[in-house]
Amino acid sequence: MKMETHEIDDRVTRIRLGGRLDTKGADEIEREFSSAVLHLKHNTVVDMSGVDFVASMGIRMLLEAARGAKLRREQVVLFGVQPMVQVVFDRVGLGDLIRIVPDEAQALAVAREPS
Protein backbone atom coordinates (compact mmCIF):
# COMPACT_ATOMS: atom_id res chain seq x y z
CA MET A 1 0.00 0.00 0.00
CA LYS A 2 1.30 3.43 -0.93
CA MET A 3 0.47 6.73 0.71
CA GLU A 4 1.47 10.28 -0.18
CA THR A 5 0.58 13.31 1.92
CA HIS A 6 0.52 16.90 0.70
CA GLU A 7 -0.60 20.00 2.59
CA ILE A 8 -2.63 21.94 0.04
CA ASP A 9 -3.04 25.01 2.25
CA ASP A 10 -3.46 25.91 5.91
CA ARG A 11 -6.90 24.22 6.04
CA VAL A 12 -6.64 21.13 3.84
CA THR A 13 -4.34 18.12 3.53
CA ARG A 14 -4.57 15.70 0.60
CA ILE A 15 -3.70 12.05 1.08
CA ARG A 16 -3.26 9.91 -2.03
CA LEU A 17 -3.64 6.17 -1.49
CA GLY A 18 -2.63 3.43 -3.91
CA GLY A 19 -2.87 -0.34 -3.82
CA ARG A 20 -5.04 -2.75 -1.89
CA LEU A 21 -6.60 -1.48 1.30
CA ASP A 22 -6.92 -4.96 2.77
CA THR A 23 -5.60 -6.18 6.12
CA LYS A 24 -1.96 -6.06 4.98
CA GLY A 25 -2.36 -2.69 3.27
CA ALA A 26 -4.17 -1.13 6.22
CA ASP A 27 -1.51 -2.46 8.60
CA GLU A 28 1.21 -0.88 6.44
CA ILE A 29 -0.22 2.64 6.49
CA GLU A 30 -2.69 2.90 9.37
CA ARG A 31 -0.39 4.66 11.82
CA GLU A 32 0.87 7.13 9.20
CA PHE A 33 -2.67 7.69 7.85
CA SER A 34 -4.14 8.32 11.29
CA SER A 35 -1.30 10.64 12.16
CA ALA A 36 -1.78 12.65 8.97
CA VAL A 37 -5.53 12.99 9.54
CA LEU A 38 -5.52 13.62 13.26
CA HIS A 39 -2.31 15.44 14.07
CA LEU A 40 -2.09 18.00 11.28
CA LYS A 41 -5.38 19.56 12.43
CA HIS A 42 -6.67 20.07 8.90
CA ASN A 43 -9.61 18.84 6.91
CA THR A 44 -8.44 15.91 4.81
CA VAL A 45 -9.31 14.95 1.25
CA VAL A 46 -8.39 11.38 0.38
CA ASP A 47 -7.68 10.44 -3.23
CA MET A 48 -8.92 6.87 -3.54
CA SER A 49 -8.38 6.61 -7.32
CA GLY A 50 -5.37 4.33 -6.84
CA VAL A 51 -7.18 1.92 -4.49
CA ASP A 52 -8.44 -1.10 -6.40
CA PHE A 53 -9.63 -3.20 -3.44
CA VAL A 54 -10.87 -2.48 0.07
CA ALA A 55 -11.63 -4.89 2.91
CA SER A 56 -13.03 -4.49 6.41
CA MET A 57 -9.71 -3.39 7.92
CA GLY A 58 -9.42 -0.61 5.36
CA ILE A 59 -12.97 0.52 6.04
CA ARG A 60 -12.24 0.50 9.78
CA MET A 61 -9.13 2.62 9.23
CA LEU A 62 -11.11 5.20 7.24
CA LEU A 63 -13.94 5.26 9.80
CA GLU A 64 -11.66 5.70 12.79
CA ALA A 65 -9.84 8.57 11.14
CA ALA A 66 -13.13 10.24 10.15
CA ARG A 67 -14.53 9.86 13.67
CA GLY A 68 -11.39 11.35 15.19
CA ALA A 69 -11.51 14.25 12.75
CA LYS A 70 -15.18 14.87 13.53
CA LEU A 71 -14.40 15.13 17.25
CA ARG A 72 -12.02 17.95 16.34
CA ARG A 73 -14.63 19.60 14.11
CA GLU A 74 -12.70 18.58 11.02
CA GLN A 75 -13.72 16.26 8.26
CA VAL A 76 -12.45 13.58 5.91
CA VAL A 77 -13.72 13.62 2.33
CA LEU A 78 -13.07 10.71 -0.05
CA PHE A 79 -12.90 11.21 -3.82
CA GLY A 80 -11.99 9.30 -6.95
CA VAL A 81 -13.38 6.01 -5.64
CA GLN A 82 -13.16 3.24 -8.24
CA PRO A 83 -16.47 1.55 -9.15
CA MET A 84 -15.73 -1.80 -7.47
CA VAL A 85 -14.62 -0.06 -4.28
CA GLN A 86 -17.72 2.14 -4.40
CA VAL A 87 -19.87 -1.02 -4.48
CA VAL A 88 -18.28 -2.11 -1.20
CA PHE A 89 -18.73 1.36 0.33
CA ASP A 90 -22.39 1.36 -0.74
CA ARG A 91 -23.00 -2.08 0.77
CA VAL A 92 -21.66 -1.05 4.16
CA GLY A 93 -23.21 2.42 4.09
CA LEU A 94 -19.87 4.22 4.34
CA GLY A 95 -21.28 7.22 2.50
CA ASP A 96 -23.62 7.81 5.45
CA LEU A 97 -20.60 8.32 7.70
CA ILE A 98 -17.92 9.79 5.44
CA ARG A 99 -18.53 12.27 2.63
CA ILE A 100 -17.71 10.70 -0.76
CA VAL A 101 -17.57 12.90 -3.87
CA PRO A 102 -16.55 12.16 -7.48
CA ASP A 103 -13.46 14.36 -7.88
CA GLU A 104 -10.82 16.44 -6.16
CA ALA A 105 -12.41 19.80 -7.00
CA GLN A 106 -15.60 18.81 -5.20
CA ALA A 107 -13.64 17.33 -2.30
CA LEU A 108 -11.71 20.58 -1.87
CA ALA A 109 -14.93 22.61 -2.02
CA VAL A 110 -16.45 20.48 0.73
CA ALA A 111 -13.28 20.62 2.83
CA ARG A 112 -13.19 24.40 2.59
CA GLU A 113 -16.82 24.89 3.63
CA PRO A 114 -17.15 26.73 6.93
CA SER A 115 -17.65 24.32 9.80
C-alpha atoms as a PDB file:
ATOM      1  CA  MET A   1       0.000   0.000   0.000  1.00  0.00           C
ATOM      2  CA  LYS A   2       1.303   3.429  -0.931  1.00  0.00           C
ATOM      3  CA  MET A   3       0.470   6.727   0.714  1.00  0.00           C
ATOM      4  CA  GLU A   4       1.469  10.279  -0.177  1.00  0.00           C
ATOM      5  CA  THR A   5       0.576  13.306   1.921  1.00  0.00           C
ATOM      6  CA  HIS A   6       0.519  16.897   0.696  1.00  0.00           C
ATOM      7  CA  GLU A   7      -0.596  19.998   2.590  1.00  0.00           C
ATOM      8  CA  ILE A   8      -2.633  21.935   0.043  1.00  0.00           C
ATOM      9  CA  ASP A   9      -3.045  25.006   2.249  1.00  0.00           C
ATOM     10  CA  ASP A  10      -3.465  25.910   5.907  1.00  0.00           C
ATOM     11  CA  ARG A  11      -6.901  24.218   6.040  1.00  0.00           C
ATOM     12  CA  VAL A  12      -6.639  21.125   3.838  1.00  0.00           C
ATOM     13  CA  THR A  13      -4.337  18.120   3.529  1.00  0.00           C
ATOM     14  CA  ARG A  14      -4.572  15.704   0.596  1.00  0.00           C
ATOM     15  CA  ILE A  15      -3.702  12.050   1.078  1.00  0.00           C
ATOM     16  CA  ARG A  16      -3.262   9.912  -2.026  1.00  0.00           C
ATOM     17  CA  LEU A  17      -3.640   6.165  -1.490  1.00  0.00           C
ATOM     18  CA  GLY A  18      -2.626   3.432  -3.909  1.00  0.00           C
ATOM     19  CA  GLY A  19      -2.866  -0.341  -3.817  1.00  0.00           C
ATOM     20  CA  ARG A  20      -5.039  -2.751  -1.892  1.00  0.00           C
ATOM     21  CA  LEU A  21      -6.601  -1.480   1.303  1.00  0.00           C
ATOM     22  CA  ASP A  22      -6.917  -4.960   2.767  1.00  0.00           C
ATOM     23  CA  THR A  23      -5.598  -6.181   6.118  1.00  0.00           C
ATOM     24  CA  LYS A  24      -1.963  -6.064   4.982  1.00  0.00           C
ATOM     25  CA  GLY A  25      -2.358  -2.689   3.267  1.00  0.00           C
ATOM     26  CA  ALA A  26      -4.165  -1.128   6.222  1.00  0.00           C
ATOM     27  CA  ASP A  27      -1.510  -2.459   8.604  1.00  0.00           C
ATOM     28  CA  GLU A  28       1.211  -0.882   6.445  1.00  0.00           C
ATOM     29  CA  ILE A  29      -0.221   2.641   6.485  1.00  0.00           C
ATOM     30  CA  GLU A  30      -2.692   2.904   9.372  1.00  0.00           C
ATOM     31  CA  ARG A  31      -0.385   4.664  11.817  1.00  0.00           C
ATOM     32  CA  GLU A  32       0.865   7.130   9.196  1.00  0.00           C
ATOM     33  CA  PHE A  33      -2.668   7.694   7.846  1.00  0.00           C
ATOM     34  CA  SER A  34      -4.138   8.317  11.287  1.00  0.00           C
ATOM     35  CA  SER A  35      -1.295  10.640  12.162  1.00  0.00           C
ATOM     36  CA  ALA A  36      -1.778  12.650   8.972  1.00  0.00           C
ATOM     37  CA  VAL A  37      -5.525  12.987   9.538  1.00  0.00           C
ATOM     38  CA  LEU A  38      -5.525  13.625  13.262  1.00  0.00           C
ATOM     39  CA  HIS A  39      -2.306  15.444  14.075  1.00  0.00           C
ATOM     40  CA  LEU A  40      -2.087  18.002  11.283  1.00  0.00           C
ATOM     41  CA  LYS A  41      -5.378  19.559  12.431  1.00  0.00           C
ATOM     42  CA  HIS A  42      -6.668  20.070   8.897  1.00  0.00           C
ATOM     43  CA  ASN A  43      -9.608  18.840   6.914  1.00  0.00           C
ATOM     44  CA  THR A  44      -8.444  15.913   4.812  1.00  0.00           C
ATOM     45  CA  VAL A  45      -9.311  14.947   1.253  1.00  0.00           C
ATOM     46  CA  VAL A  46      -8.387  11.379   0.385  1.00  0.00           C
ATOM     47  CA  ASP A  47      -7.677  10.442  -3.231  1.00  0.00           C
ATOM     48  CA  MET A  48      -8.919   6.874  -3.542  1.00  0.00           C
ATOM     49  CA  SER A  49      -8.376   6.609  -7.318  1.00  0.00           C
ATOM     50  CA  GLY A  50      -5.375   4.332  -6.835  1.00  0.00           C
ATOM     51  CA  VAL A  51      -7.179   1.916  -4.491  1.00  0.00           C
ATOM     52  CA  ASP A  52      -8.443  -1.103  -6.398  1.00  0.00           C
ATOM     53  CA  PHE A  53      -9.628  -3.201  -3.442  1.00  0.00           C
ATOM     54  CA  VAL A  54     -10.869  -2.477   0.072  1.00  0.00           C
ATOM     55  CA  ALA A  55     -11.630  -4.888   2.908  1.00  0.00           C
ATOM     56  CA  SER A  56     -13.028  -4.487   6.405  1.00  0.00           C
ATOM     57  CA  MET A  57      -9.710  -3.388   7.925  1.00  0.00           C
ATOM     58  CA  GLY A  58      -9.418  -0.605   5.355  1.00  0.00           C
ATOM     59  CA  ILE A  59     -12.970   0.524   6.043  1.00  0.00           C
ATOM     60  CA  ARG A  60     -12.244   0.497   9.784  1.00  0.00           C
ATOM     61  CA  MET A  61      -9.127   2.623   9.227  1.00  0.00           C
ATOM     62  CA  LEU A  62     -11.112   5.201   7.244  1.00  0.00           C
ATOM     63  CA  LEU A  63     -13.942   5.264   9.798  1.00  0.00           C
ATOM     64  CA  GLU A  64     -11.656   5.698  12.791  1.00  0.00           C
ATOM     65  CA  ALA A  65      -9.843   8.575  11.137  1.00  0.00           C
ATOM     66  CA  ALA A  66     -13.129  10.242  10.153  1.00  0.00           C
ATOM     67  CA  ARG A  67     -14.528   9.858  13.674  1.00  0.00           C
ATOM     68  CA  GLY A  68     -11.389  11.346  15.185  1.00  0.00           C
ATOM     69  CA  ALA A  69     -11.510  14.249  12.751  1.00  0.00           C
ATOM     70  CA  LYS A  70     -15.181  14.875  13.531  1.00  0.00           C
ATOM     71  CA  LEU A  71     -14.397  15.126  17.255  1.00  0.00           C
ATOM     72  CA  ARG A  72     -12.018  17.950  16.338  1.00  0.00           C
ATOM     73  CA  ARG A  73     -14.627  19.601  14.106  1.00  0.00           C
ATOM     74  CA  GLU A  74     -12.704  18.583  11.021  1.00  0.00           C
ATOM     75  CA  GLN A  75     -13.719  16.256   8.258  1.00  0.00           C
ATOM     76  CA  VAL A  76     -12.452  13.580   5.914  1.00  0.00           C
ATOM     77  CA  VAL A  77     -13.720  13.618   2.331  1.00  0.00           C
ATOM     78  CA  LEU A  78     -13.071  10.715  -0.053  1.00  0.00           C
ATOM     79  CA  PHE A  79     -12.897  11.208  -3.816  1.00  0.00           C
ATOM     80  CA  GLY A  80     -11.995   9.298  -6.953  1.00  0.00           C
ATOM     81  CA  VAL A  81     -13.375   6.012  -5.636  1.00  0.00           C
ATOM     82  CA  GLN A  82     -13.158   3.243  -8.239  1.00  0.00           C
ATOM     83  CA  PRO A  83     -16.469   1.546  -9.147  1.00  0.00           C
ATOM     84  CA  MET A  84     -15.726  -1.802  -7.467  1.00  0.00           C
ATOM     85  CA  VAL A  85     -14.616  -0.064  -4.279  1.00  0.00           C
ATOM     86  CA  GLN A  86     -17.721   2.140  -4.399  1.00  0.00           C
ATOM     87  CA  VAL A  87     -19.870  -1.018  -4.483  1.00  0.00           C
ATOM     88  CA  VAL A  88     -18.280  -2.109  -1.201  1.00  0.00           C
ATOM     89  CA  PHE A  89     -18.731   1.356   0.328  1.00  0.00           C
ATOM     90  CA  ASP A  90     -22.392   1.356  -0.735  1.00  0.00           C
ATOM     91  CA  ARG A  91     -23.003  -2.078   0.770  1.00  0.00           C
ATOM     92  CA  VAL A  92     -21.656  -1.053   4.162  1.00  0.00           C
ATOM     93  CA  GLY A  93     -23.210   2.422   4.087  1.00  0.00           C
ATOM     94  CA  LEU A  94     -19.873   4.216   4.337  1.00  0.00           C
ATOM     95  CA  GLY A  95     -21.284   7.225   2.499  1.00  0.00           C
ATOM     96  CA  ASP A  96     -23.618   7.808   5.454  1.00  0.00           C
ATOM     97  CA  LEU A  97     -20.597   8.321   7.701  1.00  0.00           C
ATOM     98  CA  ILE A  98     -17.917   9.790   5.442  1.00  0.00           C
ATOM     99  CA  ARG A  99     -18.528  12.266   2.630  1.00  0.00           C
ATOM    100  CA  ILE A 100     -17.713  10.702  -0.761  1.00  0.00           C
ATOM    101  CA  VAL A 101     -17.574  12.899  -3.874  1.00  0.00           C
ATOM    102  CA  PRO A 102     -16.548  12.163  -7.477  1.00  0.00           C
ATOM    103  CA  ASP A 103     -13.458  14.362  -7.878  1.00  0.00           C
ATOM    104  CA  GLU A 104     -10.817  16.443  -6.156  1.00  0.00           C
ATOM    105  CA  ALA A 105     -12.412  19.796  -6.999  1.00  0.00           C
ATOM    106  CA  GLN A 106     -15.598  18.807  -5.204  1.00  0.00           C
ATOM    107  CA  ALA A 107     -13.640  17.332  -2.295  1.00  0.00           C
ATOM    108  CA  LEU A 108     -11.714  20.580  -1.866  1.00  0.00           C
ATOM    109  CA  ALA A 109     -14.926  22.614  -2.024  1.00  0.00           C
ATOM    110  CA  VAL A 110     -16.454  20.481   0.734  1.00  0.00           C
ATOM    111  CA  ALA A 111     -13.276  20.615   2.831  1.00  0.00           C
ATOM    112  CA  ARG A 112     -13.188  24.400   2.586  1.00  0.00           C
ATOM    113  CA  GLU A 113     -16.817  24.889   3.632  1.00  0.00           C
ATOM    114  CA  PRO A 114     -17.151  26.733   6.931  1.00  0.00           C
ATOM    115  CA  SER A 115     -17.650  24.316   9.799  1.00  0.00           C
END
